[in-house]
Amino acid sequence: MKNFSNAAFSPEVIAVMTTALEAAVASLPEPLHTAHVNALAESILRTASAGERNVADLQRIALMELQLMPRN
């Protein structure tokens, strides 16, 4: 996971990010891969750090980035 040690979020923003991550993960087919969950979380953290606060937008951006992620 990327370094987000300098990131600081209010409890309200953490709740929004958590909801977005849970929704994004729930939309993925089984079995879930840790790398996919980590990629979603990184995207949400990065997007929230840029100022996005809409749950649906955070989820959509994370899922789009996951689709663009190179496959091994």
Protein backbone atom coordinates (compact mmCIF):
# COMPACT_ATOMS: atom_id res chain seq x y z
CA MET A 1 0.00 0.00 0.00
CA LYS A 2 1.15 3.50 -0.74
CA ASN A 3 2.31 5.74 2.10
CA PHE A 4 -0.59 7.75 3.48
CA SER A 5 1.06 8.46 6.84
CA ASN A 6 0.63 12.24 6.42
CA ALA A 7 -3.07 11.98 5.58
CA ALA A 8 -5.52 13.26 8.15
CA PHE A 9 -9.29 12.93 7.86
CA SER A 10 -12.17 13.94 10.08
CA PRO A 11 -14.39 11.19 11.51
CA GLU A 12 -17.10 12.21 9.03
CA VAL A 13 -14.76 11.76 6.04
CA ILE A 14 -13.54 8.43 7.42
CA ALA A 15 -17.17 7.29 7.60
CA VAL A 16 -17.72 8.35 3.96
CA MET A 17 -14.54 6.53 2.85
CA THR A 18 -15.53 3.42 4.81
CA THR A 19 -18.97 3.36 3.21
CA ALA A 20 -17.44 3.79 -0.26
CA LEU A 21 -14.93 0.98 0.33
CA GLU A 22 -17.58 -1.39 1.70
CA ALA A 23 -19.85 -0.68 -1.29
CA ALA A 24 -17.02 -1.14 -3.78
CA VAL A 25 -15.91 -4.43 -2.19
CA ALA A 26 -19.51 -5.68 -2.07
CA SER A 27 -19.83 -5.11 -5.82
CA LEU A 28 -16.88 -7.38 -6.65
CA PRO A 29 -17.43 -11.04 -7.52
CA GLU A 30 -16.14 -13.77 -5.23
CA PRO A 31 -13.45 -14.75 -4.49
CA LEU A 32 -12.04 -11.41 -3.38
CA HIS A 33 -8.33 -10.82 -3.74
CA THR A 34 -6.45 -8.79 -1.16
CA ALA A 35 -4.70 -6.88 -3.94
CA HIS A 36 -8.07 -5.70 -5.26
CA VAL A 37 -9.25 -4.55 -1.85
CA ASN A 38 -5.95 -2.74 -1.30
CA ALA A 39 -6.21 -1.06 -4.71
CA LEU A 40 -9.74 0.12 -3.91
CA ALA A 41 -8.64 1.45 -0.52
CA GLU A 42 -5.66 3.29 -2.02
CA SER A 43 -7.85 4.86 -4.67
CA ILE A 44 -10.39 6.02 -2.11
CA LEU A 45 -7.68 7.45 0.13
CA ARG A 46 -6.05 9.26 -2.79
CA THR A 47 -9.35 10.60 -4.12
CA ALA A 48 -10.51 11.72 -0.68
CA SER A 49 -7.14 13.41 -0.15
CA ALA A 50 -7.88 15.41 -3.30
CA GLY A 51 -11.13 16.62 -1.73
CA GLU A 52 -13.82 14.25 -3.00
CA ARG A 53 -16.48 13.56 -0.36
CA ASN A 54 -19.28 11.89 -2.33
CA VAL A 55 -19.62 8.18 -1.51
CA ALA A 56 -20.85 7.22 -4.98
CA ASP A 57 -18.03 9.14 -6.68
CA LEU A 58 -15.37 7.60 -4.42
CA GLN A 59 -16.75 4.14 -5.12
CA ARG A 60 -17.04 4.70 -8.88
CA ILE A 61 -13.53 6.10 -9.23
CA ALA A 62 -12.04 3.25 -7.20
CA LEU A 63 -13.83 0.62 -9.29
CA MET A 64 -12.79 2.33 -12.54
CA GLU A 65 -9.15 2.43 -11.41
CA LEU A 66 -9.37 -1.25 -10.47
CA GLN A 67 -10.55 -2.06 -14.00
CA LEU A 68 -7.55 -0.18 -15.41
CA MET A 69 -5.08 -1.93 -13.08
CA PRO A 70 -2.61 -4.19 -14.94
CA ARG A 71 -3.32 -7.89 -14.49
CA ASN A 72 -0.58 -10.30 -13.52
